[in-house]
PDB file of N, CA and C in Angstrom:
ATOM      1  N   MET A   1       7.172   9.248  -3.878  1.00  0.00           N
ATOM      2  CA  MET A   1       6.199   9.275  -2.816  1.00  0.00           C
ATOM      3  C   MET A   1       5.636   7.871  -2.636  1.00  0.00           C
ATOM      4  N   SER A   2       5.442   7.517  -1.414  1.00  0.00           N
ATOM      5  CA  SER A   2       4.906   6.204  -1.080  1.00  0.00           C
ATOM      6  C   SER A   2       3.478   6.056  -1.624  1.00  0.00           C
ATOM      7  N   PRO A   3       3.128   4.860  -2.099  1.00  0.00           N
ATOM      8  CA  PRO A   3       1.756   4.667  -2.604  1.00  0.00           C
ATOM      9  C   PRO A   3       0.686   4.909  -1.539  1.00  0.00           C
ATOM     10  N   LEU A   4       0.994   4.607  -0.285  1.00  0.00           N
ATOM     11  CA  LEU A   4       0.020   4.845   0.781  1.00  0.00           C
ATOM     12  C   LEU A   4      -0.230   6.338   0.985  1.00  0.00           C
ATOM     13  N   ILE A   5       0.836   7.128   0.984  1.00  0.00           N
ATOM     14  CA  ILE A   5       0.690   8.575   1.153  1.00  0.00           C
ATOM     15  C   ILE A   5      -0.087   9.163  -0.016  1.00  0.00           C
ATOM     16  N   ARG A   6       0.222   8.717  -1.223  1.00  0.00           N
ATOM     17  CA  ARG A   6      -0.497   9.189  -2.413  1.00  0.00           C
ATOM     18  C   ARG A   6      -1.976   8.818  -2.320  1.00  0.00           C
ATOM     19  N   TYR A   7      -2.263   7.609  -1.852  1.00  0.00           N
ATOM     20  CA  TYR A   7      -3.642   7.131  -1.694  1.00  0.00           C
ATOM     21  C   TYR A   7      -4.403   8.019  -0.706  1.00  0.00           C
ATOM     22  N   ILE A   8      -3.792   8.308   0.435  1.00  0.00           N
ATOM     23  CA  ILE A   8      -4.449   9.115   1.463  1.00  0.00           C
ATOM     24  C   ILE A   8      -4.672  10.539   0.969  1.00  0.00           C
ATOM     25  N   ILE A   9      -3.660  11.148   0.378  1.00  0.00           N
ATOM     26  CA  ILE A   9      -3.792  12.524  -0.103  1.00  0.00           C
ATOM     27  C   ILE A   9      -4.854  12.627  -1.189  1.00  0.00           C
ATOM     28  N   THR A  10      -4.873  11.659  -2.099  1.00  0.00           N
ATOM     29  CA  THR A  10      -5.861  11.676  -3.178  1.00  0.00           C
ATOM     30  C   THR A  10      -7.273  11.565  -2.629  1.00  0.00           C
ATOM     31  N   ARG A  11      -7.506  10.603  -1.750  1.00  0.00           N
ATOM     32  CA  ARG A  11      -8.858  10.401  -1.214  1.00  0.00           C
ATOM     33  C   ARG A  11      -9.321  11.587  -0.368  1.00  0.00           C
ATOM     34  N   MET A  12      -8.421  12.145   0.423  1.00  0.00           N
ATOM     35  CA  MET A  12      -8.816  13.290   1.247  1.00  0.00           C
ATOM     36  C   MET A  12      -9.062  14.531   0.392  1.00  0.00           C
ATOM     37  N   SER A  13      -8.299  14.703  -0.672  1.00  0.00           N
ATOM     38  CA  SER A  13      -8.511  15.852  -1.564  1.00  0.00           C
ATOM     39  C   SER A  13      -9.855  15.747  -2.274  1.00  0.00           C
ATOM     40  N   ILE A  14     -10.187  14.566  -2.742  1.00  0.00           N
ATOM     41  CA  ILE A  14     -11.480  14.372  -3.400  1.00  0.00           C
ATOM     42  C   ILE A  14     -12.623  14.621  -2.420  1.00  0.00           C
ATOM     43  N   GLY A  15     -12.510  14.086  -1.216  1.00  0.00           N
ATOM     44  CA  GLY A  15     -13.542  14.293  -0.205  1.00  0.00           C
ATOM     45  C   GLY A  15     -13.695  15.753   0.175  1.00  0.00           C
ATOM     46  N   PHE A  16     -12.558  16.462   0.321  1.00  0.00           N
ATOM     47  CA  PHE A  16     -12.633  17.885   0.659  1.00  0.00           C
ATOM     48  C   PHE A  16     -13.280  18.676  -0.461  1.00  0.00           C
ATOM     49  N   ALA A  17     -12.959  18.342  -1.691  1.00  0.00           N
ATOM     50  CA  ALA A  17     -13.562  19.049  -2.829  1.00  0.00           C
ATOM     51  C   ALA A  17     -15.075  18.827  -2.860  1.00  0.00           C
ATOM     52  N   LEU A  18     -15.510  17.615  -2.591  1.00  0.00           N
ATOM     53  CA  LEU A  18     -16.952  17.333  -2.545  1.00  0.00           C
ATOM     54  C   LEU A  18     -17.633  18.115  -1.420  1.00  0.00           C
ATOM     55  N   GLY A  19     -17.025  18.124  -0.244  1.00  0.00           N
ATOM     56  CA  GLY A  19     -17.603  18.840   0.888  1.00  0.00           C
ATOM     57  C   GLY A  19     -17.613  20.343   0.680  1.00  0.00           C
ATOM     58  N   ALA A  20     -16.530  20.873   0.121  1.00  0.00           N
ATOM     59  CA  ALA A  20     -16.460  22.318  -0.120  1.00  0.00           C
ATOM     60  C   ALA A  20     -17.485  22.749  -1.169  1.00  0.00           C
ATOM     61  N   SER A  21     -17.650  21.946  -2.208  1.00  0.00           N
ATOM     62  CA  SER A  21     -18.646  22.306  -3.223  1.00  0.00           C
ATOM     63  C   SER A  21     -20.059  22.201  -2.664  1.00  0.00           C
ATOM     64  N   THR A  22     -20.303  21.251  -1.780  1.00  0.00           N
ATOM     65  CA  THR A  22     -21.607  21.157  -1.126  1.00  0.00           C
ATOM     66  C   THR A  22     -21.860  22.381  -0.257  1.00  0.00           C
ATOM     67  N   ALA A  23     -20.854  22.795   0.497  1.00  0.00           N
ATOM     68  CA  ALA A  23     -20.997  23.976   1.352  1.00  0.00           C
ATOM     69  C   ALA A  23     -21.240  25.231   0.527  1.00  0.00           C
ATOM     70  N   MET A  24     -20.524  25.376  -0.572  1.00  0.00           N
ATOM     71  CA  MET A  24     -20.727  26.557  -1.425  1.00  0.00           C
ATOM     72  C   MET A  24     -22.122  26.556  -2.033  1.00  0.00           C
ATOM     73  N   ALA A  25     -22.606  25.386  -2.415  1.00  0.00           N
ATOM     74  CA  ALA A  25     -23.965  25.310  -2.949  1.00  0.00           C
ATOM     75  C   ALA A  25     -24.985  25.694  -1.879  1.00  0.00           C
ATOM     76  N   LEU A  26     -24.764  25.260  -0.641  1.00  0.00           N
ATOM     77  CA  LEU A  26     -25.669  25.644   0.443  1.00  0.00           C
ATOM     78  C   LEU A  26     -25.651  27.148   0.683  1.00  0.00           C
ATOM     79  N   VAL A  27     -24.473  27.738   0.677  1.00  0.00           N
ATOM     80  CA  VAL A  27     -24.352  29.181   0.914  1.00  0.00           C
ATOM     81  C   VAL A  27     -25.030  29.973  -0.204  1.00  0.00           C
ATOM     82  N   VAL A  28     -24.897  29.513  -1.435  1.00  0.00           N
ATOM     83  CA  VAL A  28     -25.451  30.263  -2.568  1.00  0.00           C
ATOM     84  C   VAL A  28     -26.961  30.069  -2.693  1.00  0.00           C
ATOM     85  N   PHE A  29     -27.423  28.829  -2.592  1.00  0.00           N
ATOM     86  CA  PHE A  29     -28.826  28.549  -2.899  1.00  0.00           C
ATOM     87  C   PHE A  29     -29.755  28.596  -1.695  1.00  0.00           C
ATOM     88  N   THR A  30     -29.307  28.133  -0.531  1.00  0.00           N
ATOM     89  CA  THR A  30     -30.177  28.136   0.652  1.00  0.00           C
ATOM     90  C   THR A  30     -29.400  28.589   1.885  1.00  0.00           C
ATOM     91  N   PRO A  31     -29.030  29.856   1.945  1.00  0.00           N
ATOM     92  CA  PRO A  31     -28.253  30.324   3.102  1.00  0.00           C
ATOM     93  C   PRO A  31     -29.028  30.253   4.417  1.00  0.00           C
ATOM     94  N   GLU A  32     -30.349  30.334   4.362  1.00  0.00           N
ATOM     95  CA  GLU A  32     -31.128  30.266   5.601  1.00  0.00           C
ATOM     96  C   GLU A  32     -31.069  28.884   6.243  1.00  0.00           C
ATOM     97  N   ALA A  33     -30.714  27.864   5.483  1.00  0.00           N
ATOM     98  CA  ALA A  33     -30.606  26.517   6.036  1.00  0.00           C
ATOM     99  C   ALA A  33     -29.403  26.365   6.959  1.00  0.00           C
ATOM    100  N   ILE A  34     -28.413  27.222   6.801  1.00  0.00           N
ATOM    101  CA  ILE A  34     -27.213  27.135   7.639  1.00  0.00           C
ATOM    102  C   ILE A  34     -27.003  28.408   8.453  1.00  0.00           C
ATOM    103  N   GLY A  35     -28.058  29.167   8.676  1.00  0.00           N
ATOM    104  CA  GLY A  35     -27.984  30.332   9.547  1.00  0.00           C
ATOM    105  C   GLY A  35     -27.667  31.642   8.871  1.00  0.00           C
ATOM    106  N   SER A  36     -27.794  31.734   7.577  1.00  0.00           N
ATOM    107  CA  SER A  36     -27.557  32.954   6.802  1.00  0.00           C
ATOM    108  C   SER A  36     -26.218  33.614   7.133  1.00  0.00           C
ATOM    109  N   PRO A  37     -25.102  32.967   6.765  1.00  0.00           N
ATOM    110  CA  PRO A  37     -23.798  33.570   7.048  1.00  0.00           C
ATOM    111  C   PRO A  37     -23.625  34.871   6.258  1.00  0.00           C
ATOM    112  N   SER A  38     -23.080  35.888   6.924  1.00  0.00           N
ATOM    113  CA  SER A  38     -22.966  37.184   6.257  1.00  0.00           C
ATOM    114  C   SER A  38     -21.522  37.562   5.938  1.00  0.00           C
ATOM    115  N   GLY A  39     -20.587  37.166   6.769  1.00  0.00           N
ATOM    116  CA  GLY A  39     -19.200  37.563   6.558  1.00  0.00           C
ATOM    117  C   GLY A  39     -18.383  36.476   5.883  1.00  0.00           C
ATOM    118  N   PRO A  40     -17.239  36.862   5.315  1.00  0.00           N
ATOM    119  CA  PRO A  40     -16.393  35.886   4.639  1.00  0.00           C
ATOM    120  C   PRO A  40     -15.809  34.843   5.586  1.00  0.00           C
ATOM    121  N   LEU A  41     -15.533  35.230   6.846  1.00  0.00           N
ATOM    122  CA  LEU A  41     -15.002  34.259   7.804  1.00  0.00           C
ATOM    123  C   LEU A  41     -16.033  33.175   8.111  1.00  0.00           C
ATOM    124  N   GLU A  42     -17.274  33.564   8.260  1.00  0.00           N
ATOM    125  CA  GLU A  42     -18.337  32.591   8.517  1.00  0.00           C
ATOM    126  C   GLU A  42     -18.472  31.611   7.359  1.00  0.00           C
ATOM    127  N   ILE A  43     -18.407  32.117   6.150  1.00  0.00           N
ATOM    128  CA  ILE A  43     -18.527  31.264   4.963  1.00  0.00           C
ATOM    129  C   ILE A  43     -17.343  30.308   4.869  1.00  0.00           C
ATOM    130  N   CYS A  44     -16.137  30.823   5.141  1.00  0.00           N
ATOM    131  CA  CYS A  44     -14.945  29.958   5.102  1.00  0.00           C
ATOM    132  C   CYS A  44     -14.999  28.879   6.173  1.00  0.00           C
ATOM    133  N   MET A  45     -15.513  29.201   7.353  1.00  0.00           N
ATOM    134  CA  MET A  45     -15.634  28.208   8.421  1.00  0.00           C
ATOM    135  C   MET A  45     -16.621  27.107   8.043  1.00  0.00           C
ATOM    136  N   ILE A  46     -17.706  27.468   7.385  1.00  0.00           N
ATOM    137  CA  ILE A  46     -18.677  26.472   6.938  1.00  0.00           C
ATOM    138  C   ILE A  46     -18.062  25.577   5.868  1.00  0.00           C
ATOM    139  N   ILE A  47     -17.343  26.189   4.925  1.00  0.00           N
ATOM    140  CA  ILE A  47     -16.694  25.412   3.861  1.00  0.00           C
ATOM    141  C   ILE A  47     -15.666  24.465   4.458  1.00  0.00           C
ATOM    142  N   TYR A  48     -14.846  24.954   5.397  1.00  0.00           N
ATOM    143  CA  TYR A  48     -13.837  24.108   6.016  1.00  0.00           C
ATOM    144  C   TYR A  48     -14.483  22.994   6.848  1.00  0.00           C
ATOM    145  N   GLY A  49     -15.543  23.330   7.559  1.00  0.00           N
ATOM    146  CA  GLY A  49     -16.223  22.330   8.388  1.00  0.00           C
ATOM    147  C   GLY A  49     -16.791  21.182   7.572  1.00  0.00           C
ATOM    148  N   LEU A  50     -17.495  21.504   6.521  1.00  0.00           N
ATOM    149  CA  LEU A  50     -18.045  20.438   5.675  1.00  0.00           C
ATOM    150  C   LEU A  50     -16.952  19.735   4.881  1.00  0.00           C
ATOM    151  N   GLY A  51     -15.962  20.498   4.419  1.00  0.00           N
ATOM    152  CA  GLY A  51     -14.884  19.905   3.632  1.00  0.00           C
ATOM    153  C   GLY A  51     -14.083  18.894   4.423  1.00  0.00           C
ATOM    154  N   SER A  52     -13.721  19.225   5.655  1.00  0.00           N
ATOM    155  CA  SER A  52     -12.927  18.294   6.457  1.00  0.00           C
ATOM    156  C   SER A  52     -13.732  17.064   6.856  1.00  0.00           C
ATOM    157  N   THR A  53     -15.015  17.247   7.116  1.00  0.00           N
ATOM    158  CA  THR A  53     -15.858  16.104   7.451  1.00  0.00           C
ATOM    159  C   THR A  53     -16.004  15.161   6.263  1.00  0.00           C
ATOM    160  N   PHE A  54     -16.245  15.706   5.104  1.00  0.00           N
ATOM    161  CA  PHE A  54     -16.359  14.883   3.904  1.00  0.00           C
ATOM    162  C   PHE A  54     -15.034  14.197   3.583  1.00  0.00           C
ATOM    163  N   ALA A  55     -13.912  14.886   3.806  1.00  0.00           N
ATOM    164  CA  ALA A  55     -12.600  14.302   3.523  1.00  0.00           C
ATOM    165  C   ALA A  55     -12.359  13.075   4.390  1.00  0.00           C
ATOM    166  N   ALA A  56     -12.631  13.190   5.678  1.00  0.00           N
ATOM    167  CA  ALA A  56     -12.446  12.048   6.573  1.00  0.00           C
ATOM    168  C   ALA A  56     -13.406  10.915   6.231  1.00  0.00           C
ATOM    169  N   GLY A  57     -14.633  11.266   5.913  1.00  0.00           N
ATOM    170  CA  GLY A  57     -15.615  10.238   5.546  1.00  0.00           C
ATOM    171  C   GLY A  57     -15.278   9.530   4.248  1.00  0.00           C
ATOM    172  N   TYR A  58     -14.782  10.283   3.275  1.00  0.00           N
ATOM    173  CA  TYR A  58     -14.418   9.692   1.986  1.00  0.00           C
ATOM    174  C   TYR A  58     -13.231   8.742   2.152  1.00  0.00           C
ATOM    175  N   LEU A  59     -12.239   9.163   2.937  1.00  0.00           N
ATOM    176  CA  LEU A  59     -11.079   8.311   3.187  1.00  0.00           C
ATOM    177  C   LEU A  59     -11.484   7.059   3.953  1.00  0.00           C
ATOM    178  N   ALA A  60     -12.306   7.206   4.980  1.00  0.00           N
ATOM    179  CA  ALA A  60     -12.738   6.055   5.766  1.00  0.00           C
ATOM    180  C   ALA A  60     -13.549   5.074   4.925  1.00  0.00           C
ATOM    181  N   THR A  61     -14.406   5.584   4.073  1.00  0.00           N
ATOM    182  CA  THR A  61     -15.197   4.716   3.210  1.00  0.00           C
ATOM    183  C   THR A  61     -14.314   3.979   2.214  1.00  0.00           C
ATOM    184  N   ALA A  62     -13.339   4.677   1.649  1.00  0.00           N
ATOM    185  CA  ALA A  62     -12.422   4.035   0.700  1.00  0.00           C
ATOM    186  C   ALA A  62     -11.601   2.952   1.380  1.00  0.00           C
ATOM    187  N   LEU A  63     -11.155   3.206   2.605  1.00  0.00           N
ATOM    188  CA  LEU A  63     -10.382   2.194   3.330  1.00  0.00           C
ATOM    189  C   LEU A  63     -11.248   1.010   3.736  1.00  0.00           C
ATOM    190  N   ALA A  64     -12.479   1.285   4.135  1.00  0.00           N
ATOM    191  CA  ALA A  64     -13.371   0.211   4.582  1.00  0.00           C
ATOM    192  C   ALA A  64     -13.794  -0.699   3.432  1.00  0.00           C
ATOM    193  N   THR A  65     -14.007  -0.131   2.265  1.00  0.00           N
ATOM    194  CA  THR A  65     -14.441  -0.947   1.133  1.00  0.00           C
ATOM    195  C   THR A  65     -13.267  -1.581   0.394  1.00  0.00           C
ATOM    196  N   GLY A  66     -12.060  -1.082   0.667  1.00  0.00           N
ATOM    197  CA  GLY A  66     -10.883  -1.641   0.011  1.00  0.00           C
ATOM    198  C   GLY A  66     -10.766  -1.272  -1.447  1.00  0.00           C
ATOM    199  N   SER A  67     -11.339  -0.147  -1.840  1.00  0.00           N
ATOM    200  CA  SER A  67     -11.278   0.250  -3.244  1.00  0.00           C
ATOM    201  C   SER A  67      -9.881   0.683  -3.621  1.00  0.00           C
ATOM    202  N   ASP A  68      -9.412   0.189  -4.734  1.00  0.00           N
ATOM    203  CA  ASP A  68      -8.122   0.539  -5.334  1.00  0.00           C
ATOM    204  C   ASP A  68      -6.916   0.162  -4.477  1.00  0.00           C
ATOM    205  N   ILE A  69      -7.076  -0.736  -3.536  1.00  0.00           N
ATOM    206  CA  ILE A  69      -5.930  -1.175  -2.743  1.00  0.00           C
ATOM    207  C   ILE A  69      -5.362  -2.415  -3.428  1.00  0.00           C
ATOM    208  N   ARG A  70      -4.115  -2.284  -3.831  1.00  0.00           N
ATOM    209  CA  ARG A  70      -3.462  -3.402  -4.531  1.00  0.00           C
ATOM    210  C   ARG A  70      -2.572  -4.155  -3.561  1.00  0.00           C
ATOM    211  N   PRO A  71      -2.551  -5.466  -3.646  1.00  0.00           N
ATOM    212  CA  PRO A  71      -1.658  -6.226  -2.763  1.00  0.00           C
ATOM    213  C   PRO A  71      -0.201  -5.943  -3.113  1.00  0.00           C
ATOM    214  N   GLY A  72       0.640  -6.055  -2.111  1.00  0.00           N
ATOM    215  CA  GLY A  72       2.066  -5.829  -2.314  1.00  0.00           C
ATOM    216  C   GLY A  72       2.707  -6.914  -3.178  1.00  0.00           C
ATOM    217  N   PRO A  73       3.991  -6.730  -3.501  1.00  0.00           N
ATOM    218  CA  PRO A  73       4.673  -7.696  -4.391  1.00  0.00           C
ATOM    219  C   PRO A  73       4.877  -9.050  -3.775  1.00  0.00           C
TER     220      PRO A  73
END
């Protein structure tokens, strides 16, 4: 696998995990803050919404700061 593809997949996976865990914490501890979701589809949509946003933000931040980018040979 290309190092660039591995870099993108890793950063997006970490960002999605952070966003999904944040969404689950919101659903469990303060459901009224996000409209008191009652069904499983609503909860999954909230998790996906925050997860995808965090994934894109984490990748963009990593690319902007140049973290872990090694110069080519």
